[in-house]
Amino acid sequence: MKRIQLIGLGLIVLCGLISQYTNATQNQFMVWLLAIGAVAGILMVISEYFSRR
């Protein structure tokens, strides 16, 4: 895996852990922030697939 993919994977895991083990789900803004962070991580992970073509 490339560095950007590892950063994206870390971002996905971090957002998931924050949502599971904190009270972040009680605040609408934090829910959106975590969702956007996870989507950004997914885009980082799959960026290698789109950059090859």
PDB file of N, CA and C in Angstrom:
ATOM      1  N   MET A   1       0.832  -1.179   0.000  1.00  0.00           N
ATOM      2  CA  MET A   1       0.000   0.000   0.000  1.00  0.00           C
ATOM      3  C   MET A   1       0.881   1.247   0.000  1.00  0.00           C
ATOM      4  N   LYS A   2       0.405   2.255  -0.667  1.00  0.00           N
ATOM      5  CA  LYS A   2       1.129   3.516  -0.691  1.00  0.00           C
ATOM      6  C   LYS A   2       0.802   4.328   0.557  1.00  0.00           C
ATOM      7  N   ARG A   3       1.592   5.380   0.744  1.00  0.00           N
ATOM      8  CA  ARG A   3       1.445   6.192   1.948  1.00  0.00           C
ATOM      9  C   ARG A   3       0.065   6.841   2.039  1.00  0.00           C
ATOM     10  N   ILE A   4      -0.462   7.344   0.910  1.00  0.00           N
ATOM     11  CA  ILE A   4      -1.778   7.998   0.942  1.00  0.00           C
ATOM     12  C   ILE A   4      -2.870   6.994   1.301  1.00  0.00           C
ATOM     13  N   GLN A   5      -2.702   5.750   0.870  1.00  0.00           N
ATOM     14  CA  GLN A   5      -3.687   4.728   1.211  1.00  0.00           C
ATOM     15  C   GLN A   5      -3.629   4.386   2.690  1.00  0.00           C
ATOM     16  N   LEU A   6      -2.439   4.338   3.251  1.00  0.00           N
ATOM     17  CA  LEU A   6      -2.311   4.057   4.682  1.00  0.00           C
ATOM     18  C   LEU A   6      -2.889   5.193   5.525  1.00  0.00           C
ATOM     19  N   ILE A   7      -2.673   6.430   5.069  1.00  0.00           N
ATOM     20  CA  ILE A   7      -3.263   7.568   5.779  1.00  0.00           C
ATOM     21  C   ILE A   7      -4.784   7.494   5.705  1.00  0.00           C
ATOM     22  N   GLY A   8      -5.326   7.152   4.537  1.00  0.00           N
ATOM     23  CA  GLY A   8      -6.770   7.014   4.382  1.00  0.00           C
ATOM     24  C   GLY A   8      -7.333   5.913   5.271  1.00  0.00           C
ATOM     25  N   LEU A   9      -6.624   4.790   5.329  1.00  0.00           N
ATOM     26  CA  LEU A   9      -7.067   3.693   6.189  1.00  0.00           C
ATOM     27  C   LEU A   9      -7.045   4.111   7.657  1.00  0.00           C
ATOM     28  N   GLY A  10      -6.012   4.833   8.045  1.00  0.00           N
ATOM     29  CA  GLY A  10      -5.942   5.337   9.416  1.00  0.00           C
ATOM     30  C   GLY A  10      -7.068   6.305   9.718  1.00  0.00           C
ATOM     31  N   LEU A  11      -7.422   7.140   8.744  1.00  0.00           N
ATOM     32  CA  LEU A  11      -8.514   8.089   8.929  1.00  0.00           C
ATOM     33  C   LEU A  11      -9.851   7.363   9.102  1.00  0.00           C
ATOM     34  N   ILE A  12     -10.065   6.319   8.339  1.00  0.00           N
ATOM     35  CA  ILE A  12     -11.295   5.529   8.467  1.00  0.00           C
ATOM     36  C   ILE A  12     -11.372   4.891   9.855  1.00  0.00           C
ATOM     37  N   VAL A  13     -10.278   4.284  10.273  1.00  0.00           N
ATOM     38  CA  VAL A  13     -10.247   3.613  11.581  1.00  0.00           C
ATOM     39  C   VAL A  13     -10.414   4.625  12.711  1.00  0.00           C
ATOM     40  N   LEU A  14      -9.741   5.772  12.594  1.00  0.00           N
ATOM     41  CA  LEU A  14      -9.842   6.807  13.625  1.00  0.00           C
ATOM     42  C   LEU A  14     -11.267   7.331  13.746  1.00  0.00           C
ATOM     43  N   CYS A  15     -11.919   7.600  12.629  1.00  0.00           N
ATOM     44  CA  CYS A  15     -13.308   8.078  12.678  1.00  0.00           C
ATOM     45  C   CYS A  15     -14.229   7.027  13.282  1.00  0.00           C
ATOM     46  N   GLY A  16     -13.993   5.778  12.943  1.00  0.00           N
ATOM     47  CA  GLY A  16     -14.799   4.706  13.509  1.00  0.00           C
ATOM     48  C   GLY A  16     -14.614   4.568  15.012  1.00  0.00           C
ATOM     49  N   LEU A  17     -13.375   4.650  15.456  1.00  0.00           N
ATOM     50  CA  LEU A  17     -13.104   4.548  16.893  1.00  0.00           C
ATOM     51  C   LEU A  17     -13.691   5.716  17.659  1.00  0.00           C
ATOM     52  N   ILE A  18     -13.570   6.916  17.106  1.00  0.00           N
ATOM     53  CA  ILE A  18     -14.138   8.089  17.780  1.00  0.00           C
ATOM     54  C   ILE A  18     -15.645   7.958  17.899  1.00  0.00           C
ATOM     55  N   SER A  19     -16.290   7.468  16.843  1.00  0.00           N
ATOM     56  CA  SER A  19     -17.749   7.355  16.889  1.00  0.00           C
ATOM     57  C   SER A  19     -18.215   6.259  17.843  1.00  0.00           C
ATOM     58  N   GLN A  20     -17.390   5.238  18.044  1.00  0.00           N
ATOM     59  CA  GLN A  20     -17.788   4.140  18.916  1.00  0.00           C
ATOM     60  C   GLN A  20     -17.538   4.423  20.393  1.00  0.00           C
ATOM     61  N   TYR A  21     -16.431   5.078  20.699  1.00  0.00           N
ATOM     62  CA  TYR A  21     -15.997   5.170  22.088  1.00  0.00           C
ATOM     63  C   TYR A  21     -16.115   6.557  22.709  1.00  0.00           C
ATOM     64  N   THR A  22     -16.744   7.498  22.017  1.00  0.00           N
ATOM     65  CA  THR A  22     -16.955   8.821  22.605  1.00  0.00           C
ATOM     66  C   THR A  22     -18.429   9.205  22.477  1.00  0.00           C
ATOM     67  N   ASN A  23     -18.774  10.362  22.975  1.00  0.00           N
ATOM     68  CA  ASN A  23     -20.130  10.871  22.881  1.00  0.00           C
ATOM     69  C   ASN A  23     -20.334  11.716  21.620  1.00  0.00           C
ATOM     70  N   ALA A  24     -19.517  11.506  20.602  1.00  0.00           N
ATOM     71  CA  ALA A  24     -19.581  12.328  19.396  1.00  0.00           C
ATOM     72  C   ALA A  24     -20.900  12.153  18.653  1.00  0.00           C
ATOM     73  N   THR A  25     -21.568  11.028  18.843  1.00  0.00           N
ATOM     74  CA  THR A  25     -22.814  10.791  18.118  1.00  0.00           C
ATOM     75  C   THR A  25     -23.980  11.594  18.688  1.00  0.00           C
ATOM     76  N   GLN A  26     -23.772  12.253  19.815  1.00  0.00           N
ATOM     77  CA  GLN A  26     -24.829  13.077  20.397  1.00  0.00           C
ATOM     78  C   GLN A  26     -24.932  14.445  19.727  1.00  0.00           C
ATOM     79  N   ASN A  27     -23.891  14.828  19.000  1.00  0.00           N
ATOM     80  CA  ASN A  27     -23.825  16.142  18.373  1.00  0.00           C
ATOM     81  C   ASN A  27     -23.916  15.977  16.855  1.00  0.00           C
ATOM     82  N   GLN A  28     -24.877  16.630  16.230  1.00  0.00           N
ATOM     83  CA  GLN A  28     -25.092  16.502  14.786  1.00  0.00           C
ATOM     84  C   GLN A  28     -23.871  16.928  13.976  1.00  0.00           C
ATOM     85  N   PHE A  29     -23.206  18.007  14.405  1.00  0.00           N
ATOM     86  CA  PHE A  29     -22.020  18.491  13.694  1.00  0.00           C
ATOM     87  C   PHE A  29     -20.903  17.448  13.716  1.00  0.00           C
ATOM     88  N   MET A  30     -20.705  16.802  14.846  1.00  0.00           N
ATOM     89  CA  MET A  30     -19.649  15.785  14.950  1.00  0.00           C
ATOM     90  C   MET A  30     -19.971  14.557  14.105  1.00  0.00           C
ATOM     91  N   VAL A  31     -21.238  14.210  14.007  1.00  0.00           N
ATOM     92  CA  VAL A  31     -21.625  13.081  13.163  1.00  0.00           C
ATOM     93  C   VAL A  31     -21.257  13.377  11.717  1.00  0.00           C
ATOM     94  N   TRP A  32     -21.584  14.581  11.253  1.00  0.00           N
ATOM     95  CA  TRP A  32     -21.247  14.954   9.881  1.00  0.00           C
ATOM     96  C   TRP A  32     -19.738  15.026   9.682  1.00  0.00           C
ATOM     97  N   LEU A  33     -19.016  15.544  10.659  1.00  0.00           N
ATOM     98  CA  LEU A  33     -17.567  15.651  10.553  1.00  0.00           C
ATOM     99  C   LEU A  33     -16.921  14.266  10.458  1.00  0.00           C
ATOM    100  N   LEU A  34     -17.386  13.331  11.268  1.00  0.00           N
ATOM    101  CA  LEU A  34     -16.857  11.971  11.225  1.00  0.00           C
ATOM    102  C   LEU A  34     -17.215  11.277   9.916  1.00  0.00           C
ATOM    103  N   ALA A  35     -18.419  11.518   9.412  1.00  0.00           N
ATOM    104  CA  ALA A  35     -18.826  10.913   8.141  1.00  0.00           C
ATOM    105  C   ALA A  35     -17.988  11.455   6.985  1.00  0.00           C
ATOM    106  N   ILE A  36     -17.747  12.746   6.982  1.00  0.00           N
ATOM    107  CA  ILE A  36     -16.922  13.341   5.927  1.00  0.00           C
ATOM    108  C   ILE A  36     -15.484  12.838   6.025  1.00  0.00           C
ATOM    109  N   GLY A  37     -14.989  12.684   7.240  1.00  0.00           N
ATOM    110  CA  GLY A  37     -13.646  12.139   7.436  1.00  0.00           C
ATOM    111  C   GLY A  37     -13.524  10.719   6.932  1.00  0.00           C
ATOM    112  N   ALA A  38     -14.543   9.905   7.178  1.00  0.00           N
ATOM    113  CA  ALA A  38     -14.520   8.521   6.712  1.00  0.00           C
ATOM    114  C   ALA A  38     -14.593   8.461   5.189  1.00  0.00           C
ATOM    115  N   VAL A  39     -15.411   9.299   4.584  1.00  0.00           N
ATOM    116  CA  VAL A  39     -15.513   9.327   3.119  1.00  0.00           C
ATOM    117  C   VAL A  39     -14.189   9.794   2.504  1.00  0.00           C
ATOM    118  N   ALA A  40     -13.554  10.769   3.120  1.00  0.00           N
ATOM    119  CA  ALA A  40     -12.248  11.223   2.636  1.00  0.00           C
ATOM    120  C   ALA A  40     -11.222  10.090   2.720  1.00  0.00           C
ATOM    121  N   GLY A  41     -11.286   9.316   3.788  1.00  0.00           N
ATOM    122  CA  GLY A  41     -10.401   8.167   3.924  1.00  0.00           C
ATOM    123  C   GLY A  41     -10.647   7.122   2.855  1.00  0.00           C
ATOM    124  N   ILE A  42     -11.907   6.875   2.554  1.00  0.00           N
ATOM    125  CA  ILE A  42     -12.249   5.913   1.501  1.00  0.00           C
ATOM    126  C   ILE A  42     -11.714   6.392   0.162  1.00  0.00           C
ATOM    127  N   LEU A  43     -11.866   7.671  -0.120  1.00  0.00           N
ATOM    128  CA  LEU A  43     -11.353   8.216  -1.376  1.00  0.00           C
ATOM    129  C   LEU A  43      -9.833   8.104  -1.453  1.00  0.00           C
ATOM    130  N   MET A  44      -9.156   8.291  -0.329  1.00  0.00           N
ATOM    131  CA  MET A  44      -7.698   8.137  -0.314  1.00  0.00           C
ATOM    132  C   MET A  44      -7.292   6.692  -0.598  1.00  0.00           C
ATOM    133  N   VAL A  45      -8.035   5.745  -0.049  1.00  0.00           N
ATOM    134  CA  VAL A  45      -7.699   4.342  -0.235  1.00  0.00           C
ATOM    135  C   VAL A  45      -7.910   3.918  -1.689  1.00  0.00           C
ATOM    136  N   ILE A  46      -8.990   4.369  -2.299  1.00  0.00           N
ATOM    137  CA  ILE A  46      -9.263   3.931  -3.673  1.00  0.00           C
ATOM    138  C   ILE A  46      -8.643   4.851  -4.718  1.00  0.00           C
ATOM    139  N   SER A  47      -7.896   5.860  -4.296  1.00  0.00           N
ATOM    140  CA  SER A  47      -7.290   6.790  -5.255  1.00  0.00           C
ATOM    141  C   SER A  47      -6.295   6.083  -6.173  1.00  0.00           C
ATOM    142  N   GLU A  48      -5.623   5.061  -5.689  1.00  0.00           N
ATOM    143  CA  GLU A  48      -4.657   4.332  -6.515  1.00  0.00           C
ATOM    144  C   GLU A  48      -5.352   3.664  -7.699  1.00  0.00           C
ATOM    145  N   TYR A  49      -6.547   3.197  -7.506  1.00  0.00           N
ATOM    146  CA  TYR A  49      -7.290   2.553  -8.593  1.00  0.00           C
ATOM    147  C   TYR A  49      -7.572   3.554  -9.724  1.00  0.00           C
ATOM    148  N   PHE A  50      -7.931   4.782  -9.371  1.00  0.00           N
ATOM    149  CA  PHE A  50      -8.255   5.769 -10.392  1.00  0.00           C
ATOM    150  C   PHE A  50      -7.024   6.420 -10.999  1.00  0.00           C
ATOM    151  N   SER A  51      -5.916   6.445 -10.280  1.00  0.00           N
ATOM    152  CA  SER A  51      -4.712   7.091 -10.815  1.00  0.00           C
ATOM    153  C   SER A  51      -3.987   6.206 -11.833  1.00  0.00           C
ATOM    154  N   ARG A  52      -4.233   4.921 -11.829  1.00  0.00           N
ATOM    155  CA  ARG A  52      -3.586   4.007 -12.783  1.00  0.00           C
ATOM    156  C   ARG A  52      -4.186   4.149 -14.175  1.00  0.00           C
ATOM    157  N   ARG A  53      -5.421   4.539 -14.276  1.00  0.00           N
ATOM    158  CA  ARG A  53      -6.104   4.544 -15.576  1.00  0.00           C
ATOM    159  C   ARG A  53      -5.996   5.836 -16.281  1.00  0.00           C
TER     160      ARG A  53
END
